[in-house]
């Protein structure tokens, strides 16, 4: 698989100037989730589209809660730099595509008003898997979530799904101009998933209140699916200093990213779209296959690397993958346990893709932290492990290394009494941490912890909750990590994994 050459051209090999690459004629996109990934990924593709064709596809960026990026963007005329980092050096680009930015939690009514505005033709989202108010246990909108409940009762909505639904209600009432809602988060069939949750919110309203909005969705709103891929670590003081040297000016919010970037999109846009293909985006009816490949081979393996690395006391992904044992585990989980569950997209060389993954993880200049990759595992792993694990179990194969991934996650986030997972694990954040800690506090061993998390809490879905052999295997590996260390658990899982592997499905 080749790296996107057009996007590399934007991230010039020579130092960038403070002039933006483009100057939008207006805003046609509202983006929810003004984090680093959006600014290093979708914004760059949009810059490429407008650099080629011009137009009014500027982006109004909405931060969920934090004012840090919003205030810095306004102080810098809505400009920031994207630093593409590799062992060969750092290059900069300034996308310049944002026309405004604000904090959604502070102005939720403004989010609704922008969704209702006919000039906005696309709403995009990077709110993380945790931002969809989705219950893995029920596989529906979490109607018990306090924010969702409040949004259903009226007033300015604060949940992402509530904002989308209330905005679509207002747009329908204002004439119902066509609109597309494009998820850019790591969720299976993220377009259908988002549409389902929005419809469930509207259907939960009092009878008749949402009928116009639901008819509008049927008539003029699309929810394309997409797959996004670029490693974007956290910004550091060292990066700010390096960018200041290259720019000759201070940038408070530069965004680091690797050279590789990919965006596969379903071409179903009700009100038009930018020419994102100018930046190398792929429009395809195989988005689901790209999602499988990325979420399982990249993200699933990435999680294993992060938890094993953190438990070994390693702070970055390149350091972790530099360990021969962790690298062996990563190759084995990818090829023996994830690959059989993947339908490879047409034209993709799966071996070349996997080779490139290891090169990306080994990018020592990027310094992607194990604590960042390992955070929010309760939501991330729910998207990555159940289907591959169930497929293996259905074929009579125990997915030992997926079990090790879960055991590593539990050892990092819910350590049993007397076990110290180390400083890198301690800084991982997770919405389920308190619930996991309660289970760990009463669990006498790994088996009890695994049964409580997987079987009773159903953290990874209803089907895996009934797989007793898998739960027992996770518990065994938790106990091995606790008593003998993570290296012993890696050896245990590897020795039990067959060396022969299946090719990804085609």
Protein backbone atom coordinates (compact mmCIF):
# COMPACT_ATOMS: atom_id res chain seq x y z
CA UNK A 1 0.00 0.00 0.00
CA UNK A 2 1.46 3.36 -0.98
CA UNK A 3 1.54 6.43 1.19
CA UNK A 4 -0.59 9.34 0.04
CA UNK A 5 1.79 11.41 -2.09
CA UNK A 6 -0.52 14.41 -2.56
CA UNK A 7 -0.86 14.97 1.17
CA UNK A 8 2.89 14.77 1.60
CA UNK A 9 3.21 17.62 -0.88
CA UNK A 10 1.08 19.77 1.42
CA UNK A 11 3.35 18.92 4.34
CA UNK A 12 6.28 20.54 2.53
CA UNK A 13 9.83 19.40 3.06
CA UNK A 14 10.86 23.06 3.46
CA UNK A 15 9.87 25.11 6.50
CA UNK A 16 6.33 26.51 6.29
CA UNK A 17 5.54 30.18 6.47
CA UNK A 18 2.81 31.76 8.58
CA UNK A 19 0.61 32.19 5.48
CA UNK A 20 -2.29 29.73 5.21
CA UNK A 21 -2.44 27.29 2.34
CA UNK A 22 -6.02 28.29 1.50
CA UNK A 23 -8.55 30.99 2.30
CA UNK A 24 -12.11 29.60 2.39
CA UNK A 25 -14.87 31.65 0.79
CA UNK A 26 -17.21 30.47 3.57
CA UNK A 27 -18.00 27.56 5.85
CA UNK A 28 -19.74 24.47 4.51
CA UNK A 29 -18.64 22.00 7.21
CA UNK A 30 -19.38 21.88 10.93
CA UNK A 31 -16.94 19.64 12.76
CA UNK A 32 -17.65 18.22 16.23
CA UNK A 33 -14.49 17.29 18.11
CA UNK A 34 -11.74 19.87 17.54
CA UNK A 35 -8.92 17.63 18.66
CA UNK A 36 -5.50 16.92 17.23
CA UNK A 37 -6.63 14.13 14.94
CA UNK A 38 -9.17 16.25 13.09
CA UNK A 39 -6.66 19.08 12.67
CA UNK A 40 -3.97 16.73 11.31
CA UNK A 41 -6.26 14.64 9.13
CA UNK A 42 -9.60 15.91 7.83
CA UNK A 43 -8.43 19.54 7.86
CA UNK A 44 -5.45 18.63 5.68
CA UNK A 45 -7.61 16.80 3.14
CA UNK A 46 -9.99 19.77 3.07
CA UNK A 47 -7.06 22.11 2.50
CA UNK A 48 -5.96 19.97 -0.45
CA UNK A 49 -9.49 20.06 -1.90
CA UNK A 50 -9.77 23.83 -1.64
CA UNK A 51 -6.24 24.43 -2.83
CA UNK A 52 -7.21 22.65 -6.03
CA UNK A 53 -10.80 23.83 -6.50
CA UNK A 54 -11.41 26.71 -4.08
CA UNK A 55 -14.93 26.96 -2.73
CA UNK A 56 -16.80 27.51 0.51
CA UNK A 57 -15.82 24.33 2.33
CA UNK A 58 -14.32 26.08 5.34
CA UNK A 59 -14.72 24.33 8.69
CA UNK A 60 -16.37 25.63 11.86
CA UNK A 61 -14.65 23.65 14.59
CA UNK A 62 -16.43 22.72 17.81
CA UNK A 63 -14.35 21.60 20.78
CA UNK A 64 -16.27 19.36 23.16
CA UNK A 65 -15.29 21.00 26.46
CA UNK A 66 -11.77 22.37 26.58
CA UNK A 67 -11.08 26.00 25.69
CA UNK A 68 -7.35 25.47 25.16
CA UNK A 69 -7.37 24.84 21.41
CA UNK A 70 -10.24 27.27 20.74
CA UNK A 71 -8.55 30.16 22.56
CA UNK A 72 -5.22 29.45 20.89
CA UNK A 73 -6.80 29.28 17.44
CA UNK A 74 -8.52 32.64 17.90
CA UNK A 75 -5.25 34.14 19.14
CA UNK A 76 -3.54 32.84 15.98
CA UNK A 77 -6.15 33.94 13.40
CA UNK A 78 -7.50 30.35 13.39
CA UNK A 79 -4.15 29.05 12.08
CA UNK A 80 -1.91 26.26 13.38
CA UNK A 81 0.78 24.03 11.95
CA UNK A 82 0.80 20.30 11.24
CA UNK A 83 4.23 18.76 11.78
CA UNK A 84 4.87 15.59 9.79
CA UNK A 85 7.52 13.71 11.74
CA UNK A 86 9.80 10.89 10.61
CA UNK A 87 13.37 9.81 11.40
CA UNK A 88 14.39 11.82 8.30
CA UNK A 89 13.16 15.05 9.85
CA UNK A 90 10.13 17.28 10.43
CA UNK A 91 8.17 19.19 7.79
CA UNK A 92 5.35 21.67 8.35
CA UNK A 93 2.10 22.71 6.71
CA UNK A 94 -0.57 25.20 7.72
CA UNK A 95 -4.00 24.07 6.51
CA UNK A 96 -5.82 27.35 7.16
CA UNK A 97 -9.28 25.85 6.58
CA UNK A 98 -11.09 26.86 9.77
CA UNK A 99 -13.38 29.87 9.69
CA UNK A 100 -14.41 29.77 13.35
CA UNK A 101 -14.07 27.72 16.52
CA UNK A 102 -15.98 27.52 19.78
CA UNK A 103 -16.66 25.22 22.75
CA UNK A 104 -19.79 23.12 22.39
CA UNK A 105 -20.32 22.62 26.11
CA UNK A 106 -20.38 26.40 26.61
CA UNK A 107 -22.61 27.14 23.59
CA UNK A 108 -24.69 24.03 22.85
CA UNK A 109 -27.45 26.12 21.29
CA UNK A 110 -24.92 27.39 18.77
CA UNK A 111 -24.16 23.81 17.67
CA UNK A 112 -27.87 23.28 17.01
CA UNK A 113 -28.09 26.58 15.10
CA UNK A 114 -25.17 25.68 12.82
CA UNK A 115 -26.64 22.26 12.03
CA UNK A 116 -29.88 24.03 11.11
CA UNK A 117 -28.06 26.56 8.91
CA UNK A 118 -28.53 25.76 5.20
CA UNK A 119 -24.97 26.91 4.40
CA UNK A 120 -23.65 23.92 6.38
CA UNK A 121 -23.85 20.88 4.10
CA UNK A 122 -21.74 18.39 6.04
CA UNK A 123 -21.37 17.69 9.76
CA UNK A 124 -18.26 15.67 10.56
CA UNK A 125 -17.35 14.03 13.86
CA UNK A 126 -14.21 12.96 15.71
CA UNK A 127 -15.61 12.63 19.22
CA UNK A 128 -13.94 9.25 19.97
CA UNK A 129 -15.78 6.00 20.43
CA UNK A 130 -16.85 7.17 23.88
CA UNK A 131 -18.68 10.23 22.50
CA UNK A 132 -21.66 8.40 21.01
CA UNK A 133 -23.55 7.62 24.25
CA UNK A 134 -23.76 4.00 23.13
CA UNK A 135 -24.35 1.07 25.47
CA UNK A 136 -22.36 -2.05 24.47
CA UNK A 137 -24.60 -4.15 26.69
CA UNK A 138 -27.81 -3.19 24.85
CA UNK A 139 -26.22 -2.16 21.50
CA UNK A 140 -28.48 0.90 21.52
CA UNK A 141 -28.42 4.54 22.62
CA UNK A 142 -27.77 4.67 26.36
CA UNK A 143 -31.06 6.13 27.57
CA UNK A 144 -29.82 5.85 31.16
CA UNK A 145 -26.96 8.25 30.49
CA UNK A 146 -27.72 11.41 32.54
CA UNK A 147 -26.71 13.72 29.68
CA UNK A 148 -28.89 11.88 27.17
CA UNK A 149 -31.82 11.92 29.62
CA UNK A 150 -31.43 15.66 30.10
CA UNK A 151 -31.20 16.24 26.34
CA UNK A 152 -34.43 14.31 25.79
CA UNK A 153 -36.23 16.48 28.32
CA UNK A 154 -35.48 19.66 26.38
CA UNK A 155 -33.20 22.67 26.54
CA UNK A 156 -29.85 23.04 24.84
CA UNK A 157 -28.40 19.53 24.26
CA UNK A 158 -24.94 18.56 25.51
CA UNK A 159 -24.47 15.01 24.18
CA UNK A 160 -23.19 14.61 20.63
CA UNK A 161 -26.18 12.53 19.58
CA UNK A 162 -28.54 15.00 21.25
CA UNK A 163 -26.94 17.90 19.41
CA UNK A 164 -27.21 16.10 16.08
CA UNK A 165 -30.83 15.13 16.66
CA UNK A 166 -31.93 18.57 17.90
CA UNK A 167 -30.01 20.23 15.08
CA UNK A 168 -31.72 18.03 12.50
CA UNK A 169 -35.08 18.87 14.08
CA UNK A 170 -34.32 22.56 13.70
CA UNK A 171 -33.07 22.09 10.13
CA UNK A 172 -36.23 20.21 9.18
CA UNK A 173 -38.36 23.00 10.63
CA UNK A 174 -36.32 25.60 8.72
CA UNK A 175 -36.98 24.03 5.33
CA UNK A 176 -34.93 20.87 5.37
CA UNK A 177 -31.96 21.55 3.08
CA UNK A 178 -30.00 18.33 2.36
CA UNK A 179 -27.25 17.44 4.83
CA UNK A 180 -24.70 14.67 5.37
CA UNK A 181 -23.40 13.51 8.75
CA UNK A 182 -19.96 11.91 8.42
CA UNK A 183 -18.45 9.99 11.33
CA UNK A 184 -14.65 9.81 11.37
CA UNK A 185 -14.39 7.67 14.51
CA UNK A 186 -13.22 4.07 14.90
CA UNK A 187 -16.64 2.45 14.98
CA UNK A 188 -17.77 -0.43 12.80
CA UNK A 189 -20.10 0.87 10.07
CA UNK A 190 -19.82 4.27 11.71
CA UNK A 191 -22.31 5.90 9.35
CA UNK A 192 -25.06 3.38 10.05
CA UNK A 193 -24.12 3.41 13.73
CA UNK A 194 -24.49 7.20 13.97
CA UNK A 195 -27.77 7.21 12.05
CA UNK A 196 -29.18 4.48 14.29
CA UNK A 197 -28.37 6.44 17.45
CA UNK A 198 -29.79 9.70 16.08
CA UNK A 199 -33.01 7.94 15.09
CA UNK A 200 -33.25 6.27 18.50
CA UNK A 201 -32.92 9.67 20.18
CA UNK A 202 -35.68 11.14 18.02
CA UNK A 203 -37.90 8.11 18.54
CA UNK A 204 -37.47 8.47 22.32
CA UNK A 205 -39.06 11.94 22.24
CA UNK A 206 -42.76 12.38 23.07
CA UNK A 207 -45.12 11.08 20.39
CA UNK A 208 -45.31 13.32 17.36
CA UNK A 209 -42.47 15.66 18.43
CA UNK A 210 -39.95 14.13 16.04
CA UNK A 211 -42.13 13.06 13.13
CA UNK A 212 -41.02 15.95 10.90
CA UNK A 213 -37.35 15.33 11.68
CA UNK A 214 -37.63 11.59 11.00
CA UNK A 215 -39.30 12.27 7.66
CA UNK A 216 -36.50 14.75 6.89
CA UNK A 217 -33.90 12.06 7.64
CA UNK A 218 -35.62 9.70 5.23
CA UNK A 219 -35.80 12.35 2.51
CA UNK A 220 -32.66 14.48 2.62
CA UNK A 221 -30.05 13.31 5.16
CA UNK A 222 -27.29 10.76 4.56
CA UNK A 223 -24.84 9.17 6.97
CA UNK A 224 -21.83 7.98 4.92
CA UNK A 225 -19.33 5.67 6.58
CA UNK A 226 -15.62 6.40 6.55
CA UNK A 227 -12.33 4.95 7.74
CA UNK A 228 -9.60 7.31 8.92
CA UNK A 229 -5.98 6.47 9.61
CA UNK A 230 -3.06 8.56 10.79
CA UNK A 231 -1.05 8.26 14.00
CA UNK A 232 -1.31 11.60 15.81
CA UNK A 233 0.45 11.68 19.21
CA UNK A 234 -0.03 14.32 21.88
CA UNK A 235 1.67 17.68 21.42
CA UNK A 236 4.74 18.21 23.60
CA UNK A 237 6.80 21.21 24.68
CA UNK A 238 9.68 19.80 22.62
CA UNK A 239 7.51 19.87 19.49
CA UNK A 240 6.45 23.47 20.17
CA UNK A 241 10.11 24.47 20.40
CA UNK A 242 11.00 22.64 17.19
CA UNK A 243 8.06 24.17 15.32
CA UNK A 244 8.96 27.64 16.58
CA UNK A 245 12.45 27.19 15.14
CA UNK A 246 11.12 26.04 11.76
CA UNK A 247 8.42 28.71 11.55
CA UNK A 248 10.34 31.56 13.06
CA UNK A 249 7.21 32.18 15.17
CA UNK A 250 5.45 30.65 18.14
CA UNK A 251 2.60 28.21 17.56
CA UNK A 252 0.84 27.25 20.79
CA UNK A 253 -1.02 24.30 19.25
CA UNK A 254 1.07 22.52 16.60
CA UNK A 255 -0.11 19.01 15.80
CA UNK A 256 2.33 16.13 15.25
CA UNK A 257 1.57 13.34 12.82
CA UNK A 258 3.27 10.52 10.97
CA UNK A 259 3.84 10.66 7.19
CA UNK A 260 1.26 7.94 6.51
CA UNK A 261 -2.35 9.04 6.09
CA UNK A 262 -5.45 7.36 4.68
CA UNK A 263 -9.15 8.18 4.36
CA UNK A 264 -11.67 5.78 2.78
CA UNK A 265 -15.15 7.26 2.36
CA UNK A 266 -18.54 6.08 1.17
CA UNK A 267 -19.60 8.56 -1.53
CA UNK A 268 -23.14 9.34 -0.32
CA UNK A 269 -23.39 13.09 0.19
CA UNK A 270 -26.79 14.74 0.07
CA UNK A 271 -25.60 18.32 -0.35
CA UNK A 272 -22.26 17.98 -2.11
CA UNK A 273 -18.75 17.57 -0.72
CA UNK A 274 -15.19 18.87 -1.09
CA UNK A 275 -12.90 17.15 -3.58
CA UNK A 276 -11.13 15.28 -0.79
CA UNK A 277 -9.63 12.99 -3.42
CA UNK A 278 -7.27 15.90 -4.16
CA UNK A 279 -5.60 15.00 -0.86
CA UNK A 280 -5.67 11.31 -1.67
CA UNK A 281 -8.97 10.22 -0.10
CA UNK A 282 -10.39 7.02 -1.56
CA UNK A 283 -14.11 6.94 -2.36
CA UNK A 284 -15.22 3.34 -2.25
CA UNK A 285 -18.10 0.97 -1.58
CA UNK A 286 -15.68 -1.16 0.48
CA UNK A 287 -15.40 1.14 3.50
CA UNK A 288 -16.37 -1.77 5.74
CA UNK A 289 -13.36 -3.74 4.57
CA UNK A 290 -11.05 -0.77 5.18
CA UNK A 291 -12.59 -0.43 8.66
CA UNK A 292 -11.96 -4.10 9.45
CA UNK A 293 -8.38 -3.91 8.25
CA UNK A 294 -7.61 -0.78 10.22
CA UNK A 295 -9.54 -1.39 13.43
CA UNK A 296 -8.31 -4.97 13.81
CA UNK A 297 -4.84 -5.17 12.26
CA UNK A 298 -3.70 -1.69 13.25
CA UNK A 299 -5.78 -0.70 16.27
CA UNK A 300 -6.19 -4.14 17.81
CA UNK A 301 -2.47 -4.88 17.56
CA UNK A 302 -1.65 -1.34 18.68
CA UNK A 303 -3.60 -1.94 21.90
CA UNK A 304 -1.63 -5.12 22.62
CA UNK A 305 1.66 -3.28 22.06
CA UNK A 306 0.56 -0.45 24.38
CA UNK A 307 -0.50 -2.63 27.31
CA UNK A 308 2.47 -4.96 27.10
CA UNK A 309 4.82 -2.01 26.75
CA UNK A 310 3.32 -0.15 29.70
CA UNK A 311 3.53 -3.25 31.88
CA UNK A 312 7.20 -3.55 30.91
CA UNK A 313 7.74 0.05 32.04
CA UNK A 314 8.09 1.39 28.50
CA UNK A 315 6.79 4.88 27.69
CA UNK A 316 6.50 4.87 23.90
CA UNK A 317 5.23 2.59 21.16
CA UNK A 318 8.57 2.57 19.26
CA UNK A 319 10.33 1.43 22.44
CA UNK A 320 7.70 -1.25 23.01
CA UNK A 321 7.81 -2.65 19.47
CA UNK A 322 11.60 -2.59 19.74
CA UNK A 323 11.28 -5.44 22.23
CA UNK A 324 11.62 -8.71 20.34
CA UNK A 325 9.03 -10.47 22.51
CA UNK A 326 6.42 -7.72 22.08
CA UNK A 327 7.13 -7.61 18.34
CA UNK A 328 6.65 -11.40 18.17
CA UNK A 329 3.35 -11.09 20.02
CA UNK A 330 2.22 -8.27 17.73
CA UNK A 331 2.97 -10.28 14.57
CA UNK A 332 1.28 -13.36 15.96
CA UNK A 333 -1.94 -11.62 17.04
CA UNK A 334 -2.13 -9.80 13.72
CA UNK A 335 -1.62 -12.82 11.49
CA UNK A 336 -3.09 -15.70 13.50
CA UNK A 337 -6.03 -14.01 15.20
CA UNK A 338 -7.01 -10.76 13.48
CA UNK A 339 -6.20 -11.49 9.85
CA UNK A 340 -8.65 -14.42 9.46
CA UNK A 341 -11.49 -12.04 10.38
CA UNK A 342 -10.59 -9.40 7.79
CA UNK A 343 -11.98 -9.11 4.27
CA UNK A 344 -9.12 -7.39 2.49
CA UNK A 345 -10.13 -4.39 0.34
CA UNK A 346 -9.74 -4.87 -3.40
CA UNK A 347 -6.25 -4.02 -4.59
CA UNK A 348 -4.63 -3.99 -1.13
CA UNK A 349 -1.49 -6.08 -0.61
CA UNK A 350 -2.09 -7.27 2.95
CA UNK A 351 1.55 -8.27 3.52
CA UNK A 352 2.80 -4.86 2.38
CA UNK A 353 0.21 -3.21 4.63
CA UNK A 354 1.38 -5.23 7.64
CA UNK A 355 5.04 -4.48 6.91
CA UNK A 356 4.21 -0.79 6.76
CA UNK A 357 2.39 -1.01 10.11
CA UNK A 358 5.58 -2.17 11.82
CA UNK A 359 7.52 0.64 10.16
CA UNK A 360 4.94 3.14 11.41
CA UNK A 361 5.01 1.80 14.96
CA UNK A 362 8.80 1.92 14.88
CA UNK A 363 8.88 5.65 14.01
CA UNK A 364 11.09 6.65 16.93
CA UNK A 365 10.90 10.33 16.06
CA UNK A 366 7.13 10.34 16.63
CA UNK A 367 7.23 9.14 20.24
CA UNK A 368 3.61 7.94 20.44
CA UNK A 369 3.04 7.14 24.12
CA UNK A 370 1.79 3.80 25.42
CA UNK A 371 -0.42 5.62 27.91
CA UNK A 372 -2.20 7.50 25.11
CA UNK A 373 -2.80 4.39 23.00
CA UNK A 374 -3.91 2.42 26.05
CA UNK A 375 -6.46 4.96 27.25
CA UNK A 376 -10.23 4.42 26.80
CA UNK A 377 -9.72 0.69 26.30
CA UNK A 378 -13.22 -0.14 27.57
CA UNK A 379 -14.62 1.57 24.48
CA UNK A 380 -11.82 0.90 21.99
CA UNK A 381 -11.45 -2.82 22.65
CA UNK A 382 -15.21 -3.28 22.32
CA UNK A 383 -14.78 -2.25 18.66
CA UNK A 384 -11.67 -4.36 18.07
CA UNK A 385 -11.73 -7.75 19.75
CA UNK A 386 -15.18 -9.43 19.97
CA UNK A 387 -15.71 -10.46 16.35
CA UNK A 388 -12.17 -11.81 15.75
CA UNK A 389 -12.27 -13.60 19.11
CA UNK A 390 -15.69 -15.12 18.45
CA UNK A 391 -14.64 -16.20 14.95
CA UNK A 392 -11.61 -18.03 16.35
CA UNK A 393 -13.63 -19.62 19.14
CA UNK A 394 -16.27 -20.71 16.62
CA UNK A 395 -13.54 -22.40 14.60
CA UNK A 396 -12.34 -24.26 17.68
CA UNK A 397 -9.29 -22.02 18.16
CA UNK A 398 -8.47 -20.18 21.38
CA UNK A 399 -7.31 -16.61 20.54
CA UNK A 400 -4.54 -16.60 23.15
CA UNK A 401 -3.10 -13.24 22.14
CA UNK A 402 -6.45 -11.43 22.05
CA UNK A 403 -6.92 -12.90 25.54
CA UNK A 404 -3.49 -11.48 26.41
CA UNK A 405 -4.62 -8.07 25.11
CA UNK A 406 -7.58 -8.15 27.51
CA UNK A 407 -5.41 -9.44 30.35
CA UNK A 408 -2.91 -6.64 29.71
CA UNK A 409 -5.72 -4.09 29.69
CA UNK A 410 -7.14 -5.37 32.99
CA UNK A 411 -3.69 -5.52 34.56
CA UNK A 412 -3.08 -1.89 33.59
CA UNK A 413 -6.50 -0.44 34.44
CA UNK A 414 -7.76 -2.77 37.19
CA UNK A 415 -4.70 -4.22 38.93
CA UNK A 416 -5.40 -6.82 41.57
CA UNK A 417 -4.36 -6.21 45.14
CA UNK A 418 -0.60 -6.19 45.50
CA UNK A 419 0.19 -5.70 41.80
CA UNK A 420 1.72 -2.44 40.57
CA UNK A 421 1.32 -1.99 36.79
CA UNK A 422 3.72 0.95 36.72
CA UNK A 423 3.63 4.65 36.02
CA UNK A 424 2.61 4.45 32.35
CA UNK A 425 -0.43 2.30 33.13
CA UNK A 426 -1.35 4.61 36.01
CA UNK A 427 -1.75 7.58 33.65
CA UNK A 428 -4.12 5.74 31.28
CA UNK A 429 -7.64 7.16 31.41
CA UNK A 430 -10.81 5.15 30.94
CA UNK A 431 -14.53 5.87 31.45
CA UNK A 432 -14.91 2.45 33.10
CA UNK A 433 -11.95 2.82 35.48
CA UNK A 434 -14.08 3.25 38.63
CA UNK A 435 -16.24 0.22 37.79
CA UNK A 436 -13.14 -1.83 37.00
CA UNK A 437 -11.49 -0.76 40.26
CA UNK A 438 -14.56 -1.90 42.23
CA UNK A 439 -14.43 -5.31 40.60
CA UNK A 440 -10.67 -5.59 41.16
CA UNK A 441 -11.07 -4.68 44.83
CA UNK A 442 -13.31 -7.70 45.46
CA UNK A 443 -11.65 -10.16 43.06
CA UNK A 444 -9.42 -12.75 44.70
CA UNK A 445 -7.74 -13.73 41.43
CA UNK A 446 -7.64 -13.13 37.69
CA UNK A 447 -10.44 -15.58 37.00
CA UNK A 448 -12.86 -13.68 39.24
CA UNK A 449 -11.81 -10.34 37.75
CA UNK A 450 -12.19 -11.58 34.16
CA UNK A 451 -15.58 -13.10 34.91
CA UNK A 452 -16.79 -9.89 36.51
CA UNK A 453 -15.60 -7.66 33.66
CA UNK A 454 -16.38 -9.83 30.63
CA UNK A 455 -19.21 -12.01 31.93
CA UNK A 456 -21.11 -9.78 34.34
CA UNK A 457 -20.28 -6.21 33.29
CA UNK A 458 -20.31 -7.37 29.64
CA UNK A 459 -17.67 -4.81 28.80
CA UNK A 460 -17.00 -6.49 25.45
CA UNK A 461 -20.58 -7.32 24.50
CA UNK A 462 -23.16 -9.98 25.19
CA UNK A 463 -21.75 -12.77 23.02
CA UNK A 464 -18.25 -12.82 24.49
CA UNK A 465 -19.82 -12.74 27.96
CA UNK A 466 -20.91 -16.36 27.46
CA UNK A 467 -17.55 -17.69 26.26
CA UNK A 468 -16.37 -19.32 29.48
CA UNK A 469 -13.17 -20.78 28.01
CA UNK A 470 -12.08 -17.36 26.76
CA UNK A 471 -12.90 -15.72 30.10
CA UNK A 472 -10.92 -18.40 31.93
CA UNK A 473 -7.94 -17.88 29.59
CA UNK A 474 -7.97 -14.12 30.25
CA UNK A 475 -8.04 -14.84 33.98
CA UNK A 476 -5.09 -17.24 33.72
CA UNK A 477 -3.03 -14.60 31.91
CA UNK A 478 -3.95 -11.91 34.45
CA UNK A 479 -2.65 -14.23 37.17
CA UNK A 480 0.52 -14.94 35.18
CA UNK A 481 1.20 -11.22 34.78
CA UNK A 482 0.58 -10.66 38.48
CA UNK A 483 2.73 -13.53 39.74
CA UNK A 484 5.47 -13.91 37.14
CA UNK A 485 5.49 -10.72 35.07
CA UNK A 486 4.37 -9.69 31.62
CA UNK A 487 7.21 -11.49 29.81
CA UNK A 488 6.03 -14.81 31.23
CA UNK A 489 2.51 -14.08 30.02
CA UNK A 490 3.80 -13.24 26.53
CA UNK A 491 5.73 -16.53 26.41
CA UNK A 492 2.67 -18.43 27.62
CA UNK A 493 0.39 -16.93 24.96
CA UNK A 494 2.94 -17.30 22.15
CA UNK A 495 3.76 -20.91 22.96
CA UNK A 496 0.06 -21.77 22.77
CA UNK A 497 -0.47 -20.02 19.42
CA UNK A 498 -0.02 -22.11 16.24
CA UNK A 499 2.73 -20.84 13.98
CA UNK A 500 0.66 -21.43 10.83
CA UNK A 501 -1.73 -18.63 9.96
CA UNK A 502 -4.63 -18.07 7.63
CA UNK A 503 -4.67 -15.38 4.99
CA UNK A 504 -7.12 -12.52 5.37
CA UNK A 505 -10.43 -13.23 3.61
CA UNK A 506 -10.79 -11.93 0.08
